[in-house]
């Protein structure tokens, strides 16, 4: 028999899952597009002003990497904290974060890629988008499988 309340709840949940999947797909595409655009940006010399490895887990196996650097374009000084699109503030293993910390030591010189239309928009690793493809794939999978699983679950519940 048709259970209108159950159907409405599953329908609402399906719409929420679809909305979440669209947000994930959009964010993944945004990160990938920005990374691709940055490959053709001009570069300039920069200097790292802050490089920190913050261990944020009780077991000391998860950490975050914070960086800040400055650079000059057209005699104007800029600062940024983006080393890779989508990576800022992301937790990772201590070994990976230690590699980044050693790669970008405080006081070190770096090559900065900057957006020619907005030099404050800069990155140290042009072309790289942490988690961009992951968001894209998970968003597509969630968009397809989420509502499908709920529809199948509803069908099985109605068979009882």
Protein backbone atom coordinates (compact mmCIF):
# COMPACT_ATOMS: atom_id res chain seq x y z
CA UNK A 1 0.00 0.00 0.00
CA UNK A 2 1.12 3.55 -0.73
CA UNK A 3 2.53 5.30 2.37
CA UNK A 4 2.30 8.99 1.52
CA UNK A 5 4.32 10.22 4.53
CA UNK A 6 7.18 7.76 3.92
CA UNK A 7 7.20 8.61 0.24
CA UNK A 8 7.28 12.36 0.97
CA UNK A 9 10.14 11.95 3.46
CA UNK A 10 12.20 9.88 1.03
CA UNK A 11 11.42 12.32 -1.77
CA UNK A 12 12.61 15.25 0.37
CA UNK A 13 15.75 13.34 1.34
CA UNK A 14 16.39 12.57 -2.34
CA UNK A 15 16.13 16.25 -3.22
CA UNK A 16 18.52 17.18 -0.42
CA UNK A 17 21.01 14.57 -1.62
CA UNK A 18 20.73 15.91 -5.17
CA UNK A 19 21.28 19.47 -3.92
CA UNK A 20 24.36 18.37 -1.95
CA UNK A 21 25.70 16.53 -4.98
CA UNK A 22 25.27 19.67 -7.12
CA UNK A 23 27.18 21.72 -4.55
CA UNK A 24 29.99 19.13 -4.50
CA UNK A 25 30.14 18.98 -8.31
CA UNK A 26 30.18 22.78 -8.55
CA UNK A 27 32.97 23.11 -5.98
CA UNK A 28 35.03 20.37 -7.64
CA UNK A 29 34.65 22.06 -11.05
CA UNK A 30 35.55 25.42 -9.51
CA UNK A 31 38.78 24.05 -8.00
CA UNK A 32 39.76 22.26 -11.21
CA UNK A 33 38.98 25.30 -13.39
CA UNK A 34 40.98 27.62 -11.11
CA UNK A 35 43.92 25.24 -11.13
CA UNK A 36 43.85 25.02 -14.94
CA UNK A 37 43.64 28.81 -15.28
CA UNK A 38 46.58 29.29 -12.93
CA UNK A 39 48.87 27.30 -15.24
CA UNK A 40 48.97 30.25 -17.65
CA UNK A 41 49.35 32.98 -15.01
CA UNK A 42 52.56 35.03 -14.93
CA UNK A 43 55.01 34.40 -12.12
CA UNK A 44 57.13 36.52 -9.83
CA UNK A 45 59.54 36.00 -6.96
CA UNK A 46 58.14 35.77 -3.45
CA UNK A 47 59.25 35.16 0.11
CA UNK A 48 57.62 32.93 2.71
CA UNK A 49 56.73 34.92 5.82
CA UNK A 50 55.07 32.11 7.79
CA UNK A 51 55.27 28.34 7.58
CA UNK A 52 53.68 26.27 10.34
CA UNK A 53 52.89 22.65 10.86
CA UNK A 54 50.08 22.26 13.38
CA UNK A 55 49.55 18.77 14.76
CA UNK A 56 45.85 18.61 15.54
CA UNK A 57 45.24 15.03 16.55
CA UNK A 58 45.60 13.35 19.93
CA UNK A 59 47.57 10.50 18.34
CA UNK A 60 49.88 12.96 16.54
CA UNK A 61 49.08 11.49 13.11
CA UNK A 62 46.96 14.32 11.64
CA UNK A 63 48.28 17.83 10.95
CA UNK A 64 47.54 21.06 9.10
CA UNK A 65 49.89 23.29 7.16
CA UNK A 66 49.61 27.08 7.33
CA UNK A 67 51.67 29.28 5.06
CA UNK A 68 51.86 32.96 4.20
CA UNK A 69 54.04 34.61 1.60
CA UNK A 70 54.52 38.03 0.09
CA UNK A 71 55.37 39.13 -3.41
CA UNK A 72 55.46 42.31 -5.48
CA UNK A 73 53.63 42.99 -8.75
CA UNK A 74 53.83 46.41 -10.43
CA UNK A 75 55.53 47.83 -7.32
CA UNK A 76 52.60 46.79 -5.09
CA UNK A 77 53.24 44.32 -2.24
CA UNK A 78 50.73 41.47 -1.90
CA UNK A 79 50.35 38.62 0.58
CA UNK A 80 48.63 35.28 0.19
CA UNK A 81 48.19 32.04 2.09
CA UNK A 82 47.25 29.78 -0.84
CA UNK A 83 49.83 27.22 -1.85
CA UNK A 84 47.44 24.87 -3.71
CA UNK A 85 43.80 25.45 -4.61
CA UNK A 86 41.55 23.64 -2.14
CA UNK A 87 44.36 22.64 0.22
CA UNK A 88 44.39 25.50 2.70
CA UNK A 89 43.19 24.42 6.11
CA UNK A 90 42.89 20.78 5.07
CA UNK A 91 44.11 18.17 7.50
CA UNK A 92 46.43 15.46 6.26
CA UNK A 93 48.95 12.96 7.56
CA UNK A 94 51.86 14.34 9.53
CA UNK A 95 54.33 12.97 6.97
CA UNK A 96 52.65 14.82 4.06
CA UNK A 97 52.41 18.04 6.04
CA UNK A 98 56.05 17.71 7.13
CA UNK A 99 57.02 17.47 3.42
CA UNK A 100 55.15 20.72 2.69
CA UNK A 101 56.67 22.39 5.74
CA UNK A 102 60.16 21.41 4.58
CA UNK A 103 59.39 22.40 0.97
CA UNK A 104 58.23 25.86 2.07
CA UNK A 105 60.36 26.96 5.06
CA UNK A 106 59.82 30.39 6.63
CA UNK A 107 62.14 32.92 5.01
CA UNK A 108 62.49 30.78 1.87
CA UNK A 109 62.20 32.10 -1.64
CA UNK A 110 59.35 30.88 -3.84
CA UNK A 111 57.94 31.37 -7.31
CA UNK A 112 54.44 32.83 -7.10
CA UNK A 113 51.88 32.48 -9.90
CA UNK A 114 49.38 35.35 -9.79
CA UNK A 115 46.19 36.25 -11.59
CA UNK A 116 47.06 39.12 -13.97
CA UNK A 117 43.55 40.59 -13.52
CA UNK A 118 43.81 40.44 -9.71
CA UNK A 119 47.39 39.94 -8.44
CA UNK A 120 46.14 39.34 -4.88
CA UNK A 121 44.81 36.03 -6.26
CA UNK A 122 47.99 33.94 -6.16
CA UNK A 123 49.19 30.37 -5.70
CA UNK A 124 52.51 28.56 -5.25
CA UNK A 125 51.53 25.35 -7.04
CA UNK A 126 49.68 26.37 -10.22
CA UNK A 127 47.73 23.62 -11.92
CA UNK A 128 47.21 21.65 -8.74
CA UNK A 129 43.76 21.33 -7.16
CA UNK A 130 43.61 19.33 -3.96
CA UNK A 131 40.35 17.43 -3.71
CA UNK A 132 38.91 18.98 -6.90
CA UNK A 133 38.51 15.66 -8.69
CA UNK A 134 37.42 13.96 -5.47
CA UNK A 135 34.56 16.45 -5.00
CA UNK A 136 33.58 16.02 -8.63
CA UNK A 137 33.48 12.20 -8.52
CA UNK A 138 31.79 12.02 -5.12
CA UNK A 139 29.21 14.59 -6.20
CA UNK A 140 28.36 12.64 -9.34
CA UNK A 141 28.21 9.37 -7.42
CA UNK A 142 26.04 10.86 -4.70
CA UNK A 143 23.77 12.45 -7.30
CA UNK A 144 23.22 9.12 -9.04
CA UNK A 145 23.35 6.57 -6.24
CA UNK A 146 21.73 8.53 -3.39
CA UNK A 147 18.24 8.97 -4.89
CA UNK A 148 18.44 5.53 -6.54
CA UNK A 149 19.13 3.80 -3.22
CA UNK A 150 16.29 5.72 -1.56
CA UNK A 151 13.94 4.76 -4.40
CA UNK A 152 14.89 1.09 -4.08
CA UNK A 153 14.50 1.25 -0.31
CA UNK A 154 11.01 2.73 -0.74
CA UNK A 155 10.11 0.01 -3.24
CA UNK A 156 11.23 -2.73 -0.80
CA UNK A 157 9.33 -1.14 2.07
CA UNK A 158 6.18 -1.02 -0.03
CA UNK A 159 6.53 -4.73 -0.92
CA UNK A 160 6.11 -5.71 2.73
